[in-house]
Amino acid sequence: DHIYVNPLVIIPIKENPFTATERKLPIEFP
């Protein structure tokens, strides 16, 4: 009696690449 669907279908960011408690370096995107 139920259907569960992710309405985004395609997810641009699936996982967080920043999970460490702290970071010693800056973040540089391309």
Full PDB file with SEQRES, HELIX, SHEET, SSBOND, CRYST1, ORIGX, SCALE, CONECT and MASTER records, all heavy atoms in Angstrom:
SEQRES   1 A   30  ASP HIS ILE TYR VAL ASN PRO LEU VAL ILE ILE PRO ILE          
SEQRES   2 A   30  LYS GLU ASN PRO PHE THR ALA THR GLU ARG LYS LEU PRO          
SEQRES   3 A   30  ILE GLU PHE PRO                                              
CRYST1    1.000    1.000    1.000  90.00  90.00  90.00 P 1           1          
ORIGX1      1.000000  0.000000  0.000000        0.00000                         
ORIGX2      0.000000  1.000000  0.000000        0.00000                         
ORIGX3      0.000000  0.000000  1.000000        0.00000                         
SCALE1      1.000000  0.000000  0.000000        0.00000                         
SCALE2      0.000000  1.000000  0.000000        0.00000                         
SCALE3      0.000000  0.000000  1.000000        0.00000                         
ATOM      1  N   ASP A   1       0.795  -1.232   0.000  1.00  0.00           N  
ATOM      2  CA  ASP A   1       0.000   0.000   0.000  1.00  0.00           C  
ATOM      3  C   ASP A   1       0.831   1.287   0.000  1.00  0.00           C  
ATOM      4  O   ASP A   1       0.275   2.381   0.127  1.00  0.00           O  
ATOM      5  CB  ASP A   1      -0.953   0.018   1.203  1.00  0.00           C  
ATOM      6  CG  ASP A   1      -0.220  -0.148   2.526  1.00  0.00           C  
ATOM      7  OD1 ASP A   1       1.020  -0.342   2.504  1.00  0.00           O  
ATOM      8  OD2 ASP A   1      -0.869  -0.058   3.573  1.00  0.00           O  
ATOM      9  N   HIS A   2       2.163   1.175  -0.123  1.00  0.00           N  
ATOM     10  CA  HIS A   2       3.000   2.377  -0.143  1.00  0.00           C  
ATOM     11  C   HIS A   2       4.091   2.272  -1.219  1.00  0.00           C  
ATOM     12  O   HIS A   2       4.562   1.171  -1.526  1.00  0.00           O  
ATOM     13  CB  HIS A   2       3.691   2.609   1.217  1.00  0.00           C  
ATOM     14  CG  HIS A   2       2.787   3.187   2.250  1.00  0.00           C  
ATOM     15  ND1 HIS A   2       1.944   2.405   3.031  1.00  0.00           N  
ATOM     16  CD2 HIS A   2       2.577   4.480   2.643  1.00  0.00           C  
ATOM     17  CE1 HIS A   2       1.266   3.177   3.864  1.00  0.00           C  
ATOM     18  NE2 HIS A   2       1.629   4.442   3.648  1.00  0.00           N  
ATOM     19  N   ILE A   3       4.458   3.417  -1.747  1.00  0.00           N  
ATOM     20  CA  ILE A   3       5.613   3.517  -2.653  1.00  0.00           C  
ATOM     21  C   ILE A   3       6.513   4.634  -2.133  1.00  0.00           C  
ATOM     22  O   ILE A   3       6.028   5.724  -1.786  1.00  0.00           O  
ATOM     23  CB  ILE A   3       5.197   3.824  -4.108  1.00  0.00           C  
ATOM     24  CG1 ILE A   3       4.267   2.738  -4.648  1.00  0.00           C  
ATOM     25  CG2 ILE A   3       6.436   3.944  -5.002  1.00  0.00           C  
ATOM     26  CD1 ILE A   3       3.714   3.056  -6.026  1.00  0.00           C  
ATOM     27  N   TYR A   4       7.821   4.372  -2.094  1.00  0.00           N  
ATOM     28  CA  TYR A   4       8.797   5.351  -1.609  1.00  0.00           C  
ATOM     29  C   TYR A   4       9.752   5.686  -2.767  1.00  0.00           C  
ATOM     30  O   TYR A   4      10.431   4.804  -3.291  1.00  0.00           O  
ATOM     31  CB  TYR A   4       9.596   4.788  -0.433  1.00  0.00           C  
ATOM     32  CG  TYR A   4       8.730   4.309   0.711  1.00  0.00           C  
ATOM     33  CD1 TYR A   4       8.200   3.005   0.713  1.00  0.00           C  
ATOM     34  CD2 TYR A   4       8.420   5.146   1.780  1.00  0.00           C  
ATOM     35  CE1 TYR A   4       7.406   2.560   1.756  1.00  0.00           C  
ATOM     36  CE2 TYR A   4       7.629   4.706   2.836  1.00  0.00           C  
ATOM     37  CZ  TYR A   4       7.120   3.419   2.810  1.00  0.00           C  
ATOM     38  OH  TYR A   4       6.329   2.983   3.847  1.00  0.00           O  
ATOM     39  N   VAL A   5       9.780   6.948  -3.142  1.00  0.00           N  
ATOM     40  CA  VAL A   5      10.599   7.346  -4.279  1.00  0.00           C  
ATOM     41  C   VAL A   5      11.356   8.623  -3.937  1.00  0.00           C  
ATOM     42  O   VAL A   5      10.806   9.543  -3.327  1.00  0.00           O  
ATOM     43  CB  VAL A   5       9.740   7.547  -5.550  1.00  0.00           C  
ATOM     44  CG1 VAL A   5       8.639   8.565  -5.315  1.00  0.00           C  
ATOM     45  CG2 VAL A   5      10.598   7.973  -6.735  1.00  0.00           C  
ATOM     46  N   ASN A   6      12.635   8.657  -4.319  1.00  0.00           N  
ATOM     47  CA  ASN A   6      13.407   9.887  -4.149  1.00  0.00           C  
ATOM     48  C   ASN A   6      13.028  10.827  -5.298  1.00  0.00           C  
ATOM     49  O   ASN A   6      13.279  10.517  -6.462  1.00  0.00           O  
ATOM     50  CB  ASN A   6      14.905   9.602  -4.180  1.00  0.00           C  
ATOM     51  CG  ASN A   6      15.742  10.804  -3.780  1.00  0.00           C  
ATOM     52  OD1 ASN A   6      15.472  11.916  -4.207  1.00  0.00           O  
ATOM     53  ND2 ASN A   6      16.754  10.585  -2.964  1.00  0.00           N  
ATOM     54  N   PRO A   7      12.428  11.975  -5.004  1.00  0.00           N  
ATOM     55  CA  PRO A   7      11.925  12.847  -6.077  1.00  0.00           C  
ATOM     56  C   PRO A   7      13.016  13.504  -6.911  1.00  0.00           C  
ATOM     57  O   PRO A   7      12.722  14.063  -7.971  1.00  0.00           O  
ATOM     58  CB  PRO A   7      11.121  13.905  -5.311  1.00  0.00           C  
ATOM     59  CG  PRO A   7      11.736  13.936  -3.948  1.00  0.00           C  
ATOM     60  CD  PRO A   7      12.176  12.532  -3.662  1.00  0.00           C  
ATOM     61  N   LEU A   8      14.285  13.431  -6.483  1.00  0.00           N  
ATOM     62  CA  LEU A   8      15.377  13.991  -7.282  1.00  0.00           C  
ATOM     63  C   LEU A   8      15.777  13.066  -8.425  1.00  0.00           C  
ATOM     64  O   LEU A   8      16.301  13.512  -9.446  1.00  0.00           O  
ATOM     65  CB  LEU A   8      16.599  14.271  -6.402  1.00  0.00           C  
ATOM     66  CG  LEU A   8      16.466  15.371  -5.354  1.00  0.00           C  
ATOM     67  CD1 LEU A   8      17.742  15.458  -4.510  1.00  0.00           C  
ATOM     68  CD2 LEU A   8      16.195  16.715  -6.007  1.00  0.00           C  
ATOM     69  N   VAL A   9      15.571  11.757  -8.246  1.00  0.00           N  
ATOM     70  CA  VAL A   9      15.947  10.715  -9.212  1.00  0.00           C  
ATOM     71  C   VAL A   9      17.468  10.673  -9.403  1.00  0.00           C  
ATOM     72  O   VAL A   9      18.118   9.670  -9.142  1.00  0.00           O  
ATOM     73  CB  VAL A   9      15.237  10.880 -10.563  1.00  0.00           C  
ATOM     74  CG1 VAL A   9      15.627   9.747 -11.522  1.00  0.00           C  
ATOM     75  CG2 VAL A   9      13.724  10.910 -10.377  1.00  0.00           C  
ATOM     76  N   ILE A  10      18.052  11.760  -9.908  1.00  0.00           N  
ATOM     77  CA  ILE A  10      19.507  11.881 -10.052  1.00  0.00           C  
ATOM     78  C   ILE A  10      20.004  12.821  -8.952  1.00  0.00           C  
ATOM     79  O   ILE A  10      19.573  13.976  -8.882  1.00  0.00           O  
ATOM     80  CB  ILE A  10      19.881  12.429 -11.446  1.00  0.00           C  
ATOM     81  CG1 ILE A  10      19.448  11.450 -12.536  1.00  0.00           C  
ATOM     82  CG2 ILE A  10      21.374  12.702 -11.545  1.00  0.00           C  
ATOM     83  CD1 ILE A  10      19.603  11.994 -13.946  1.00  0.00           C  
ATOM     84  N   ILE A  11      20.902  12.337  -8.117  1.00  0.00           N  
ATOM     85  CA  ILE A  11      21.336  13.112  -6.950  1.00  0.00           C  
ATOM     86  C   ILE A  11      22.718  13.701  -7.227  1.00  0.00           C  
ATOM     87  O   ILE A  11      23.704  12.964  -7.332  1.00  0.00           O  
ATOM     88  CB  ILE A  11      21.386  12.217  -5.691  1.00  0.00           C  
ATOM     89  CG1 ILE A  11      20.017  11.582  -5.458  1.00  0.00           C  
ATOM     90  CG2 ILE A  11      21.803  13.030  -4.479  1.00  0.00           C  
ATOM     91  CD1 ILE A  11      19.999  10.553  -4.351  1.00  0.00           C  
ATOM     92  N   PRO A  12      22.837  15.025  -7.357  1.00  0.00           N  
ATOM     93  CA  PRO A  12      24.137  15.639  -7.674  1.00  0.00           C  
ATOM     94  C   PRO A  12      25.217  15.371  -6.629  1.00  0.00           C  
ATOM     95  O   PRO A  12      26.369  15.106  -6.975  1.00  0.00           O  
ATOM     96  CB  PRO A  12      23.803  17.130  -7.763  1.00  0.00           C  
ATOM     97  CG  PRO A  12      22.358  17.170  -8.147  1.00  0.00           C  
ATOM     98  CD  PRO A  12      21.742  16.011  -7.429  1.00  0.00           C  
ATOM     99  N   ILE A  13      24.883  15.475  -5.347  1.00  0.00           N  
ATOM    100  CA  ILE A  13      25.867  15.196  -4.286  1.00  0.00           C  
ATOM    101  C   ILE A  13      25.301  14.082  -3.423  1.00  0.00           C  
ATOM    102  O   ILE A  13      24.378  14.293  -2.632  1.00  0.00           O  
ATOM    103  CB  ILE A  13      26.161  16.439  -3.422  1.00  0.00           C  
ATOM    104  CG1 ILE A  13      26.702  17.583  -4.285  1.00  0.00           C  
ATOM    105  CG2 ILE A  13      27.167  16.102  -2.332  1.00  0.00           C  
ATOM    106  CD1 ILE A  13      26.978  18.860  -3.500  1.00  0.00           C  
ATOM    107  N   LYS A  14      25.840  12.880  -3.567  1.00  0.00           N  
ATOM    108  CA  LYS A  14      25.330  11.728  -2.835  1.00  0.00           C  
ATOM    109  C   LYS A  14      25.946  11.608  -1.446  1.00  0.00           C  
ATOM    110  O   LYS A  14      25.281  11.229  -0.487  1.00  0.00           O  
ATOM    111  CB  LYS A  14      25.603  10.440  -3.632  1.00  0.00           C  
ATOM    112  CG  LYS A  14      24.931  10.393  -4.990  1.00  0.00           C  
ATOM    113  CD  LYS A  14      25.238   9.083  -5.682  1.00  0.00           C  
ATOM    114  CE  LYS A  14      24.586   9.012  -7.059  1.00  0.00           C  
ATOM    115  NZ  LYS A  14      25.129  10.022  -7.991  1.00  0.00           N  
ATOM    116  N   GLU A  15      27.258  11.877  -1.363  1.00  0.00           N  
ATOM    117  CA  GLU A  15      27.968  11.720  -0.088  1.00  0.00           C  
ATOM    118  C   GLU A  15      28.774  12.968   0.210  1.00  0.00           C  
ATOM    119  O   GLU A  15      29.273  13.642  -0.700  1.00  0.00           O  
ATOM    120  CB  GLU A  15      28.897  10.501  -0.137  1.00  0.00           C  
ATOM    121  CG  GLU A  15      28.172   9.169  -0.313  1.00  0.00           C  
ATOM    122  CD  GLU A  15      29.149   8.002  -0.324  1.00  0.00           C  
ATOM    123  OE1 GLU A  15      30.372   8.248  -0.245  1.00  0.00           O  
ATOM    124  OE2 GLU A  15      28.688   6.856  -0.419  1.00  0.00           O  
ATOM    125  N   ASN A  16      28.897  13.264   1.487  1.00  0.00           N  
ATOM    126  CA  ASN A  16      29.683  14.411   1.926  1.00  0.00           C  
ATOM    127  C   ASN A  16      31.169  14.041   1.902  1.00  0.00           C  
ATOM    128  O   ASN A  16      31.596  13.144   2.620  1.00  0.00           O  
ATOM    129  CB  ASN A  16      29.267  14.821   3.345  1.00  0.00           C  
ATOM    130  CG  ASN A  16      29.942  16.100   3.788  1.00  0.00           C  
ATOM    131  OD1 ASN A  16      30.764  16.675   3.078  1.00  0.00           O  
ATOM    132  ND2 ASN A  16      29.584  16.560   4.981  1.00  0.00           N  
ATOM    133  N   PRO A  17      31.983  14.710   1.075  1.00  0.00           N  
ATOM    134  CA  PRO A  17      33.416  14.398   1.048  1.00  0.00           C  
ATOM    135  C   PRO A  17      34.167  14.960   2.251  1.00  0.00           C  
ATOM    136  O   PRO A  17      35.331  14.641   2.454  1.00  0.00           O  
ATOM    137  CB  PRO A  17      33.892  15.065  -0.245  1.00  0.00           C  
ATOM    138  CG  PRO A  17      32.961  16.212  -0.443  1.00  0.00           C  
ATOM    139  CD  PRO A  17      31.631  15.762   0.094  1.00  0.00           C  
ATOM    140  N   PHE A  18      33.482  15.788   3.043  1.00  0.00           N  
ATOM    141  CA  PHE A  18      34.132  16.435   4.185  1.00  0.00           C  
ATOM    142  C   PHE A  18      33.527  15.889   5.473  1.00  0.00           C  
ATOM    143  O   PHE A  18      32.512  16.388   5.977  1.00  0.00           O  
ATOM    144  CB  PHE A  18      33.947  17.955   4.100  1.00  0.00           C  
ATOM    145  CG  PHE A  18      34.328  18.536   2.769  1.00  0.00           C  
ATOM    146  CD1 PHE A  18      33.355  19.049   1.913  1.00  0.00           C  
ATOM    147  CD2 PHE A  18      35.651  18.545   2.357  1.00  0.00           C  
ATOM    148  CE1 PHE A  18      33.697  19.575   0.684  1.00  0.00           C  
ATOM    149  CE2 PHE A  18      36.002  19.066   1.119  1.00  0.00           C  
ATOM    150  CZ  PHE A  18      35.028  19.585   0.281  1.00  0.00           C  
ATOM    151  N   THR A  19      34.136  14.837   5.988  1.00  0.00           N  
ATOM    152  CA  THR A  19      33.609  14.180   7.193  1.00  0.00           C  
ATOM    153  C   THR A  19      34.578  14.228   8.372  1.00  0.00           C  
ATOM    154  O   THR A  19      34.188  13.943   9.498  1.00  0.00           O  
ATOM    155  CB  THR A  19      33.270  12.709   6.894  1.00  0.00           C  
ATOM    156  OG1 THR A  19      34.448  12.045   6.401  1.00  0.00           O  
ATOM    157  CG2 THR A  19      32.171  12.609   5.848  1.00  0.00           C  
ATOM    158  N   ALA A  20      35.843  14.577   8.120  1.00  0.00           N  
ATOM    159  CA  ALA A  20      36.824  14.614   9.210  1.00  0.00           C  
ATOM    160  C   ALA A  20      36.443  15.683  10.227  1.00  0.00           C  
ATOM    161  O   ALA A  20      35.822  16.698   9.894  1.00  0.00           O  
ATOM    162  CB  ALA A  20      38.217  14.890   8.649  1.00  0.00           C  
ATOM    163  N   THR A  21      36.816  15.451  11.481  1.00  0.00           N  
ATOM    164  CA  THR A  21      36.525  16.413  12.549  1.00  0.00           C  
ATOM    165  C   THR A  21      37.184  17.751  12.270  1.00  0.00           C  
ATOM    166  O   THR A  21      36.599  18.816  12.505  1.00  0.00           O  
ATOM    167  CB  THR A  21      37.005  15.867  13.899  1.00  0.00           C  
ATOM    168  OG1 THR A  21      36.408  14.579  14.120  1.00  0.00           O  
ATOM    169  CG2 THR A  21      36.624  16.803  15.037  1.00  0.00           C  
ATOM    170  N   GLU A  22      38.414  17.716  11.762  1.00  0.00           N  
ATOM    171  CA  GLU A  22      39.118  18.942  11.416  1.00  0.00           C  
ATOM    172  C   GLU A  22      39.910  18.726  10.135  1.00  0.00           C  
ATOM    173  O   GLU A  22      40.143  17.597   9.715  1.00  0.00           O  
ATOM    174  CB  GLU A  22      40.061  19.378  12.551  1.00  0.00           C  
ATOM    175  CG  GLU A  22      41.170  18.385  12.847  1.00  0.00           C  
ATOM    176  CD  GLU A  22      42.123  18.873  13.926  1.00  0.00           C  
ATOM    177  OE1 GLU A  22      41.975  20.019  14.363  1.00  0.00           O  
ATOM    178  OE2 GLU A  22      43.019  18.102  14.303  1.00  0.00           O  
ATOM    179  N   ARG A  23      40.302  19.828   9.523  1.00  0.00           N  
ATOM    180  CA  ARG A  23      41.081  19.772   8.288  1.00  0.00           C  
ATOM    181  C   ARG A  23      42.259  20.720   8.429  1.00  0.00           C  
ATOM    182  O   ARG A  23      42.099  21.866   8.878  1.00  0.00           O  
ATOM    183  CB  ARG A  23      40.211  20.157   7.084  1.00  0.00           C  
ATOM    184  CG  ARG A  23      40.947  20.074   5.749  1.00  0.00           C  
ATOM    185  CD  ARG A  23      40.005  20.367   4.585  1.00  0.00           C  
ATOM    186  NE  ARG A  23      40.726  20.473   3.328  1.00  0.00           N  
ATOM    187  CZ  ARG A  23      41.050  19.454   2.552  1.00  0.00           C  
ATOM    188  NH1 ARG A  23      40.709  18.224   2.899  1.00  0.00           N  
ATOM    189  NH2 ARG A  23      41.719  19.642   1.418  1.00  0.00           N  
ATOM    190  N   LYS A  24      43.452  20.247   8.026  1.00  0.00           N  
ATOM    191  CA  LYS A  24      44.670  21.039   8.182  1.00  0.00           C  
ATOM    192  C   LYS A  24      45.003  21.853   6.940  1.00  0.00           C  
ATOM    193  O   LYS A  24      45.903  22.685   6.968  1.00  0.00           O  
ATOM    194  CB  LYS A  24      45.840  20.116   8.510  1.00  0.00           C  
ATOM    195  CG  LYS A  24      45.644  19.330   9.800  1.00  0.00           C  
ATOM    196  CD  LYS A  24      46.627  18.189   9.899  1.00  0.00           C  
ATOM    197  CE  LYS A  24      46.329  17.324  11.107  1.00  0.00           C  
ATOM    198  NZ  LYS A  24      47.122  16.085  11.107  1.00  0.00           N  
ATOM    199  N   LEU A  25      44.294  21.583   5.848  1.00  0.00           N  
ATOM    200  CA  LEU A  25      44.554  22.270   4.586  1.00  0.00           C  
ATOM    201  C   LEU A  25      43.298  22.994   4.127  1.00  0.00           C  
ATOM    202  O   LEU A  25      42.186  22.635   4.514  1.00  0.00           O  
ATOM    203  CB  LEU A  25      44.977  21.262   3.511  1.00  0.00           C  
ATOM    204  CG  LEU A  25      46.291  20.516   3.747  1.00  0.00           C  
ATOM    205  CD1 LEU A  25      46.463  19.432   2.700  1.00  0.00           C  
ATOM    206  CD2 LEU A  25      47.469  21.462   3.724  1.00  0.00           C  
ATOM    207  N   PRO A  26      43.454  24.017   3.292  1.00  0.00           N  
ATOM    208  CA  PRO A  26      42.265  24.659   2.728  1.00  0.00           C  
ATOM    209  C   PRO A  26      41.552  23.722   1.759  1.00  0.00           C  
ATOM    210  O   PRO A  26      42.028  22.625   1.476  1.00  0.00           O  
ATOM    211  CB  PRO A  26      42.845  25.882   2.005  1.00  0.00           C  
ATOM    212  CG  PRO A  26      44.258  25.524   1.720  1.00  0.00           C  
ATOM    213  CD  PRO A  26      44.706  24.631   2.836  1.00  0.00           C  
ATOM    214  N   ILE A  27      40.417  24.160   1.255  1.00  0.00           N  
ATOM    215  CA  ILE A  27      39.668  23.422   0.248  1.00  0.00           C  
ATOM    216  C   ILE A  27      39.773  24.197  -1.058  1.00  0.00           C  
ATOM    217  O   ILE A  27      39.461  25.385  -1.115  1.00  0.00           O  
ATOM    218  CB  ILE A  27      38.187  23.267   0.652  1.00  0.00           C  
ATOM    219  CG1 ILE A  27      38.066  22.426   1.924  1.00  0.00           C  
ATOM    220  CG2 ILE A  27      37.376  22.636  -0.484  1.00  0.00           C  
ATOM    221  CD1 ILE A  27      36.675  22.420   2.521  1.00  0.00           C  
ATOM    222  N   GLU A  28      40.225  23.511  -2.118  1.00  0.00           N  
ATOM    223  CA  GLU A  28      40.351  24.142  -3.425  1.00  0.00           C  
ATOM    224  C   GLU A  28      39.533  23.355  -4.446  1.00  0.00           C  
ATOM    225  O   GLU A  28      39.826  22.188  -4.708  1.00  0.00           O  
ATOM    226  CB  GLU A  28      41.821  24.193  -3.862  1.00  0.00           C  
ATOM    227  CG  GLU A  28      42.691  25.062  -2.973  1.00  0.00           C  
ATOM    228  CD  GLU A  28      44.152  25.038  -3.378  1.00  0.00           C  
ATOM    229  OE1 GLU A  28      44.735  23.939  -3.430  1.00  0.00           O  
ATOM    230  OE2 GLU A  28      44.701  26.112  -3.640  1.00  0.00           O  
ATOM    231  N   PHE A  29      38.519  23.980  -4.990  1.00  0.00           N  
ATOM    232  CA  PHE A  29      37.731  23.353  -6.045  1.00  0.00           C  
ATOM    233  C   PHE A  29      38.409  23.617  -7.394  1.00  0.00           C  
ATOM    234  O   PHE A  29      39.110  24.614  -7.556  1.00  0.00           O  
ATOM    235  CB  PHE A  29      36.308  23.909  -6.050  1.00  0.00           C  
ATOM    236  CG  PHE A  29      35.476  23.460  -4.886  1.00  0.00           C  
ATOM    237  CD1 PHE A  29      35.299  24.274  -3.775  1.00  0.00           C  
ATOM    238  CD2 PHE A  29      34.881  22.215  -4.891  1.00  0.00           C  
ATOM    239  CE1 PHE A  29      34.539  23.863  -2.700  1.00  0.00           C  
ATOM    240  CE2 PHE A  29      34.119  21.784  -3.817  1.00  0.00           C  
ATOM    241  CZ  PHE A  29      33.942  22.609  -2.715  1.00  0.00           C  
ATOM    242  N   PRO A  30      38.188  22.759  -8.386  1.00  0.00           N  
ATOM    243  CA  PRO A  30      38.872  22.947  -9.674  1.00  0.00           C  
ATOM    244  C   PRO A  30      38.391  24.171 -10.437  1.00  0.00           C  
ATOM    245  O   PRO A  30      39.164  24.816 -11.139  1.00  0.00           O  
ATOM    246  CB  PRO A  30      38.556  21.659 -10.437  1.00  0.00           C  
ATOM    247  CG  PRO A  30      37.317  21.118  -9.793  1.00  0.00           C  
ATOM    248  CD  PRO A  30      37.416  21.507  -8.351  1.00  0.00           C  
TER     249      PRO A  30                                                      
MASTER        0    0    0    0    0    0    0    6  248    1    0    3          
END                                                                             
